[in-house]
PDB file of all heavy atoms in Angstrom:
ATOM      1  N   ALA A   1      21.169 -21.924   4.486  1.00  0.00           N
ATOM      2  CA  ALA A   1      20.061 -22.879   4.540  1.00  0.00           C
ATOM      3  C   ALA A   1      18.800 -22.181   4.066  1.00  0.00           C
ATOM      4  O   ALA A   1      18.490 -21.069   4.488  1.00  0.00           O
ATOM      5  CB  ALA A   1      19.862 -23.415   5.962  1.00  0.00           C
ATOM      6  N   TYR A   2      18.092 -22.824   3.173  1.00  0.00           N
ATOM      7  CA  TYR A   2      16.863 -22.265   2.584  1.00  0.00           C
ATOM      8  C   TYR A   2      15.756 -22.312   3.631  1.00  0.00           C
ATOM      9  O   TYR A   2      15.297 -23.387   4.007  1.00  0.00           O
ATOM     10  CB  TYR A   2      16.493 -23.094   1.362  1.00  0.00           C
ATOM     11  CG  TYR A   2      15.411 -22.506   0.499  1.00  0.00           C
ATOM     12  CD1 TYR A   2      15.719 -21.557  -0.470  1.00  0.00           C
ATOM     13  CD2 TYR A   2      14.093 -22.933   0.617  1.00  0.00           C
ATOM     14  CE1 TYR A   2      14.729 -21.037  -1.293  1.00  0.00           C
ATOM     15  CE2 TYR A   2      13.099 -22.432  -0.197  1.00  0.00           C
ATOM     16  CZ  TYR A   2      13.424 -21.482  -1.152  1.00  0.00           C
ATOM     17  OH  TYR A   2      12.427 -20.964  -1.965  1.00  0.00           O
ATOM     18  N   HIS A   3      15.328 -21.152   4.092  1.00  0.00           N
ATOM     19  CA  HIS A   3      14.422 -21.075   5.240  1.00  0.00           C
ATOM     20  C   HIS A   3      13.382 -20.001   4.951  1.00  0.00           C
ATOM     21  O   HIS A   3      13.645 -18.800   5.105  1.00  0.00           O
ATOM     22  CB  HIS A   3      15.222 -20.739   6.501  1.00  0.00           C
ATOM     23  CG  HIS A   3      14.482 -21.019   7.768  1.00  0.00           C
ATOM     24  ND1 HIS A   3      15.100 -21.049   8.993  1.00  0.00           N
ATOM     25  CD2 HIS A   3      13.172 -21.283   8.016  1.00  0.00           C
ATOM     26  CE1 HIS A   3      14.209 -21.320   9.930  1.00  0.00           C
ATOM     27  NE2 HIS A   3      13.037 -21.463   9.358  1.00  0.00           N
ATOM     28  N   THR A   4      12.190 -20.422   4.551  1.00  0.00           N
ATOM     29  CA  THR A   4      11.166 -19.482   4.090  1.00  0.00           C
ATOM     30  C   THR A   4      10.696 -18.527   5.173  1.00  0.00           C
ATOM     31  O   THR A   4      10.369 -17.370   4.896  1.00  0.00           O
ATOM     32  CB  THR A   4       9.972 -20.268   3.500  1.00  0.00           C
ATOM     33  OG1 THR A   4      10.415 -20.928   2.318  1.00  0.00           O
ATOM     34  CG2 THR A   4       8.827 -19.340   3.147  1.00  0.00           C
ATOM     35  N   ALA A   5      10.648 -18.977   6.424  1.00  0.00           N
ATOM     36  CA  ALA A   5      10.162 -18.111   7.496  1.00  0.00           C
ATOM     37  C   ALA A   5      10.964 -16.816   7.579  1.00  0.00           C
ATOM     38  O   ALA A   5      10.406 -15.736   7.800  1.00  0.00           O
ATOM     39  CB  ALA A   5      10.226 -18.851   8.830  1.00  0.00           C
ATOM     40  N   LEU A   6      12.267 -16.904   7.373  1.00  0.00           N
ATOM     41  CA  LEU A   6      13.110 -15.716   7.480  1.00  0.00           C
ATOM     42  C   LEU A   6      12.875 -14.751   6.334  1.00  0.00           C
ATOM     43  O   LEU A   6      12.970 -13.538   6.485  1.00  0.00           O
ATOM     44  CB  LEU A   6      14.580 -16.109   7.555  1.00  0.00           C
ATOM     45  CG  LEU A   6      15.073 -16.610   8.929  1.00  0.00           C
ATOM     46  CD1 LEU A   6      14.777 -15.603  10.005  1.00  0.00           C
ATOM     47  CD2 LEU A   6      14.506 -17.966   9.290  1.00  0.00           C
ATOM     48  N   TYR A   7      12.553 -15.310   5.163  1.00  0.00           N
ATOM     49  CA  TYR A   7      12.147 -14.466   4.030  1.00  0.00           C
ATOM     50  C   TYR A   7      10.824 -13.759   4.336  1.00  0.00           C
ATOM     51  O   TYR A   7      10.663 -12.558   4.122  1.00  0.00           O
ATOM     52  CB  TYR A   7      12.034 -15.310   2.764  1.00  0.00           C
ATOM     53  CG  TYR A   7      10.891 -14.917   1.864  1.00  0.00           C
ATOM     54  CD1 TYR A   7      10.938 -13.739   1.117  1.00  0.00           C
ATOM     55  CD2 TYR A   7       9.740 -15.710   1.767  1.00  0.00           C
ATOM     56  CE1 TYR A   7       9.881 -13.365   0.291  1.00  0.00           C
ATOM     57  CE2 TYR A   7       8.687 -15.359   0.949  1.00  0.00           C
ATOM     58  CZ  TYR A   7       8.752 -14.181   0.212  1.00  0.00           C
ATOM     59  OH  TYR A   7       7.702 -13.811  -0.583  1.00  0.00           O
ATOM     60  N   THR A   8       9.854 -14.519   4.854  1.00  0.00           N
ATOM     61  CA  THR A   8       8.543 -13.948   5.156  1.00  0.00           C
ATOM     62  C   THR A   8       8.660 -12.767   6.116  1.00  0.00           C
ATOM     63  O   THR A   8       7.974 -11.750   5.979  1.00  0.00           O
ATOM     64  CB  THR A   8       7.614 -15.010   5.757  1.00  0.00           C
ATOM     65  OG1 THR A   8       7.492 -16.103   4.838  1.00  0.00           O
ATOM     66  CG2 THR A   8       6.237 -14.442   6.044  1.00  0.00           C
ATOM     67  N   LEU A   9       9.558 -12.879   7.076  1.00  0.00           N
ATOM     68  CA  LEU A   9       9.734 -11.801   8.059  1.00  0.00           C
ATOM     69  C   LEU A   9      10.329 -10.535   7.452  1.00  0.00           C
ATOM     70  O   LEU A   9      10.306  -9.481   8.091  1.00  0.00           O
ATOM     71  CB  LEU A   9      10.593 -12.304   9.213  1.00  0.00           C
ATOM     72  CG  LEU A   9       9.878 -13.293  10.146  1.00  0.00           C
ATOM     73  CD1 LEU A   9      10.864 -13.972  11.084  1.00  0.00           C
ATOM     74  CD2 LEU A   9       8.783 -12.577  10.943  1.00  0.00           C
ATOM     75  N   LEU A  10      10.843 -10.606   6.233  1.00  0.00           N
ATOM     76  CA  LEU A  10      11.295  -9.379   5.565  1.00  0.00           C
ATOM     77  C   LEU A  10      10.122  -8.449   5.289  1.00  0.00           C
ATOM     78  O   LEU A  10      10.312  -7.219   5.182  1.00  0.00           O
ATOM     79  CB  LEU A  10      11.999  -9.714   4.249  1.00  0.00           C
ATOM     80  CG  LEU A  10      13.449 -10.183   4.370  1.00  0.00           C
ATOM     81  CD1 LEU A  10      13.952 -10.707   3.027  1.00  0.00           C
ATOM     82  CD2 LEU A  10      14.352  -9.058   4.873  1.00  0.00           C
ATOM     83  N   ASP A  11       8.908  -9.002   5.163  1.00  0.00           N
ATOM     84  CA  ASP A  11       7.738  -8.138   5.000  1.00  0.00           C
ATOM     85  C   ASP A  11       7.597  -7.204   6.199  1.00  0.00           C
ATOM     86  O   ASP A  11       7.273  -6.021   6.055  1.00  0.00           O
ATOM     87  CB  ASP A  11       6.476  -8.984   4.843  1.00  0.00           C
ATOM     88  CG  ASP A  11       6.473  -9.769   3.544  1.00  0.00           C
ATOM     89  OD1 ASP A  11       7.263  -9.419   2.651  1.00  0.00           O
ATOM     90  OD2 ASP A  11       5.695 -10.728   3.425  1.00  0.00           O
ATOM     91  N   GLY A  12       7.830  -7.746   7.397  1.00  0.00           N
ATOM     92  CA  GLY A  12       7.786  -6.916   8.596  1.00  0.00           C
ATOM     93  C   GLY A  12       8.877  -5.877   8.611  1.00  0.00           C
ATOM     94  O   GLY A  12       8.680  -4.739   9.073  1.00  0.00           O
ATOM     95  N   VAL A  13      10.048  -6.237   8.102  1.00  0.00           N
ATOM     96  CA  VAL A  13      11.150  -5.270   8.003  1.00  0.00           C
ATOM     97  C   VAL A  13      10.757  -4.125   7.083  1.00  0.00           C
ATOM     98  O   VAL A  13      10.968  -2.948   7.405  1.00  0.00           O
ATOM     99  CB  VAL A  13      12.425  -5.974   7.477  1.00  0.00           C
ATOM    100  CG1 VAL A  13      13.512  -4.958   7.158  1.00  0.00           C
ATOM    101  CG2 VAL A  13      12.935  -6.981   8.498  1.00  0.00           C
ATOM    102  N   ILE A  14      10.155  -4.443   5.942  1.00  0.00           N
ATOM    103  CA  ILE A  14       9.721  -3.416   4.986  1.00  0.00           C
ATOM    104  C   ILE A  14       8.652  -2.537   5.611  1.00  0.00           C
ATOM    105  O   ILE A  14       8.708  -1.302   5.545  1.00  0.00           O
ATOM    106  CB  ILE A  14       9.197  -4.066   3.690  1.00  0.00           C
ATOM    107  CG1 ILE A  14      10.344  -4.753   2.949  1.00  0.00           C
ATOM    108  CG2 ILE A  14       8.526  -3.033   2.790  1.00  0.00           C
ATOM    109  CD1 ILE A  14       9.890  -5.654   1.801  1.00  0.00           C
ATOM    110  N   GLU A  15       7.677  -3.171   6.223  1.00  0.00           N
ATOM    111  CA  GLU A  15       6.552  -2.423   6.777  1.00  0.00           C
ATOM    112  C   GLU A  15       6.972  -1.517   7.931  1.00  0.00           C
ATOM    113  O   GLU A  15       6.568  -0.345   8.006  1.00  0.00           O
ATOM    114  CB  GLU A  15       5.461  -3.392   7.218  1.00  0.00           C
ATOM    115  CG  GLU A  15       4.795  -4.105   6.036  1.00  0.00           C
ATOM    116  CD  GLU A  15       3.770  -5.127   6.449  1.00  0.00           C
ATOM    117  OE1 GLU A  15       3.712  -5.455   7.656  1.00  0.00           O
ATOM    118  OE2 GLU A  15       3.015  -5.612   5.571  1.00  0.00           O
ATOM    119  N   ASN A  16       7.801  -2.031   8.837  1.00  0.00           N
ATOM    120  CA  ASN A  16       8.187  -1.244  10.001  1.00  0.00           C
ATOM    121  C   ASN A  16       9.220  -0.175   9.669  1.00  0.00           C
ATOM    122  O   ASN A  16       9.357   0.812  10.407  1.00  0.00           O
ATOM    123  CB  ASN A  16       8.713  -2.159  11.109  1.00  0.00           C
ATOM    124  CG  ASN A  16       7.621  -3.044  11.682  1.00  0.00           C
ATOM    125  OD1 ASN A  16       6.464  -2.653  11.746  1.00  0.00           O
ATOM    126  ND2 ASN A  16       7.978  -4.261  12.068  1.00  0.00           N
ATOM    127  N   SER A  17       9.965  -0.351   8.573  1.00  0.00           N
ATOM    128  CA  SER A  17      10.928   0.679   8.193  1.00  0.00           C
ATOM    129  C   SER A  17      10.284   1.781   7.358  1.00  0.00           C
ATOM    130  O   SER A  17      10.628   2.954   7.496  1.00  0.00           O
ATOM    131  CB  SER A  17      12.096   0.055   7.411  1.00  0.00           C
ATOM    132  OG  SER A  17      11.652  -0.539   6.214  1.00  0.00           O
ATOM    133  N   THR A  18       9.338   1.414   6.489  1.00  0.00           N
ATOM    134  CA  THR A  18       8.717   2.405   5.598  1.00  0.00           C
ATOM    135  C   THR A  18       7.456   3.017   6.184  1.00  0.00           C
ATOM    136  O   THR A  18       7.018   4.082   5.735  1.00  0.00           O
ATOM    137  CB  THR A  18       8.350   1.767   4.251  1.00  0.00           C
ATOM    138  OG1 THR A  18       7.339   0.770   4.464  1.00  0.00           O
ATOM    139  CG2 THR A  18       9.568   1.148   3.591  1.00  0.00           C
ATOM    140  N   GLY A  19       6.841   2.356   7.156  1.00  0.00           N
ATOM    141  CA  GLY A  19       5.579   2.838   7.695  1.00  0.00           C
ATOM    142  C   GLY A  19       4.393   2.524   6.796  1.00  0.00           C
ATOM    143  O   GLY A  19       3.298   3.057   6.986  1.00  0.00           O
ATOM    144  N   GLN A  20       4.612   1.655   5.784  1.00  0.00           N
ATOM    145  CA  GLN A  20       3.548   1.256   4.868  1.00  0.00           C
ATOM    146  C   GLN A  20       3.433  -0.267   4.869  1.00  0.00           C
ATOM    147  O   GLN A  20       4.422  -0.964   5.114  1.00  0.00           O
ATOM    148  CB  GLN A  20       3.850   1.728   3.445  1.00  0.00           C
ATOM    149  CG  GLN A  20       4.037   3.221   3.297  1.00  0.00           C
ATOM    150  CD  GLN A  20       4.417   3.594   1.867  1.00  0.00           C
ATOM    151  OE1 GLN A  20       3.726   3.229   0.904  1.00  0.00           O
ATOM    152  NE2 GLN A  20       5.498   4.323   1.709  1.00  0.00           N
ATOM    153  N   SER A  21       2.236  -0.761   4.569  1.00  0.00           N
ATOM    154  CA  SER A  21       2.114  -2.211   4.393  1.00  0.00           C
ATOM    155  C   SER A  21       2.891  -2.606   3.154  1.00  0.00           C
ATOM    156  O   SER A  21       3.173  -1.784   2.276  1.00  0.00           O
ATOM    157  CB  SER A  21       0.647  -2.614   4.241  1.00  0.00           C
ATOM    158  OG  SER A  21       0.152  -2.216   2.971  1.00  0.00           O
ATOM    159  N   VAL A  22       3.223  -3.882   3.067  1.00  0.00           N
ATOM    160  CA  VAL A  22       3.994  -4.332   1.909  1.00  0.00           C
ATOM    161  C   VAL A  22       3.207  -4.133   0.619  1.00  0.00           C
ATOM    162  O   VAL A  22       3.788  -3.810  -0.426  1.00  0.00           O
ATOM    163  CB  VAL A  22       4.428  -5.810   2.092  1.00  0.00           C
ATOM    164  CG1 VAL A  22       3.237  -6.757   2.058  1.00  0.00           C
ATOM    165  CG2 VAL A  22       5.473  -6.209   1.063  1.00  0.00           C
ATOM    166  N   ASN A  23       1.879  -4.265   0.673  1.00  0.00           N
ATOM    167  CA  ASN A  23       1.068  -4.016  -0.520  1.00  0.00           C
ATOM    168  C   ASN A  23       1.029  -2.533  -0.885  1.00  0.00           C
ATOM    169  O   ASN A  23       1.069  -2.181  -2.070  1.00  0.00           O
ATOM    170  CB  ASN A  23      -0.354  -4.544  -0.323  1.00  0.00           C
ATOM    171  CG  ASN A  23      -0.458  -6.047  -0.571  1.00  0.00           C
ATOM    172  OD1 ASN A  23       0.112  -6.565  -1.523  1.00  0.00           O
ATOM    173  ND2 ASN A  23      -1.169  -6.748   0.296  1.00  0.00           N
ATOM    174  N   GLN A  24       0.949  -1.666   0.108  1.00  0.00           N
ATOM    175  CA  GLN A  24       0.978  -0.230  -0.174  1.00  0.00           C
ATOM    176  C   GLN A  24       2.310   0.184  -0.793  1.00  0.00           C
ATOM    177  O   GLN A  24       2.343   0.954  -1.756  1.00  0.00           O
ATOM    178  CB  GLN A  24       0.746   0.564   1.121  1.00  0.00           C
ATOM    179  CG  GLN A  24      -0.665   0.487   1.666  1.00  0.00           C
ATOM    180  CD  GLN A  24      -0.797   1.116   3.051  1.00  0.00           C
ATOM    181  OE1 GLN A  24       0.169   1.141   3.830  1.00  0.00           O
ATOM    182  NE2 GLN A  24      -1.979   1.619   3.357  1.00  0.00           N
ATOM    183  N   TYR A  25       3.385  -0.359  -0.252  1.00  0.00           N
ATOM    184  CA  TYR A  25       4.703   0.007  -0.750  1.00  0.00           C
ATOM    185  C   TYR A  25       4.903  -0.535  -2.164  1.00  0.00           C
ATOM    186  O   TYR A  25       5.416   0.171  -3.048  1.00  0.00           O
ATOM    187  CB  TYR A  25       5.780  -0.539   0.188  1.00  0.00           C
ATOM    188  CG  TYR A  25       7.131   0.129   0.014  1.00  0.00           C
ATOM    189  CD1 TYR A  25       7.276   1.492   0.222  1.00  0.00           C
ATOM    190  CD2 TYR A  25       8.240  -0.616  -0.372  1.00  0.00           C
ATOM    191  CE1 TYR A  25       8.510   2.116   0.047  1.00  0.00           C
ATOM    192  CE2 TYR A  25       9.475  -0.008  -0.544  1.00  0.00           C
ATOM    193  CZ  TYR A  25       9.602   1.361  -0.329  1.00  0.00           C
ATOM    194  OH  TYR A  25      10.821   1.970  -0.519  1.00  0.00           O
ATOM    195  N   PHE A  26       4.461  -1.763  -2.415  1.00  0.00           N
ATOM    196  CA  PHE A  26       4.546  -2.333  -3.757  1.00  0.00           C
ATOM    197  C   PHE A  26       3.745  -1.484  -4.740  1.00  0.00           C
ATOM    198  O   PHE A  26       4.217  -1.181  -5.858  1.00  0.00           O
ATOM    199  CB  PHE A  26       4.025  -3.770  -3.751  1.00  0.00           C
ATOM    200  CG  PHE A  26       3.597  -4.260  -5.099  1.00  0.00           C
ATOM    201  CD1 PHE A  26       4.535  -4.629  -6.050  1.00  0.00           C
ATOM    202  CD2 PHE A  26       2.240  -4.332  -5.418  1.00  0.00           C
ATOM    203  CE1 PHE A  26       4.132  -5.053  -7.316  1.00  0.00           C
ATOM    204  CE2 PHE A  26       1.843  -4.779  -6.674  1.00  0.00           C
ATOM    205  CZ  PHE A  26       2.793  -5.129  -7.624  1.00  0.00           C
ATOM    206  N   THR A  27       2.533  -1.102  -4.361  1.00  0.00           N
ATOM    207  CA  THR A  27       1.670  -0.348  -5.265  1.00  0.00           C
ATOM    208  C   THR A  27       2.266   1.003  -5.623  1.00  0.00           C
ATOM    209  O   THR A  27       2.309   1.384  -6.804  1.00  0.00           O
ATOM    210  CB  THR A  27       0.275  -0.154  -4.641  1.00  0.00           C
ATOM    211  OG1 THR A  27      -0.319  -1.442  -4.428  1.00  0.00           O
ATOM    212  CG2 THR A  27      -0.629   0.676  -5.542  1.00  0.00           C
ATOM    213  N   SER A  28       2.755   1.727  -4.632  1.00  0.00           N
ATOM    214  CA  SER A  28       3.250   3.085  -4.879  1.00  0.00           C
ATOM    215  C   SER A  28       4.591   3.102  -5.590  1.00  0.00           C
ATOM    216  O   SER A  28       4.870   4.022  -6.370  1.00  0.00           O
ATOM    217  CB  SER A  28       3.369   3.853  -3.553  1.00  0.00           C
ATOM    218  OG  SER A  28       4.324   3.239  -2.691  1.00  0.00           O
TER     219      SER A  28
END
């Protein structure tokens, strides 16, 4: 089922796993 909220929460997965904000990780 297409559910945008669950996609949005991947940003938190990226941030909490890498220790960087999603913008910092994208930039670097």
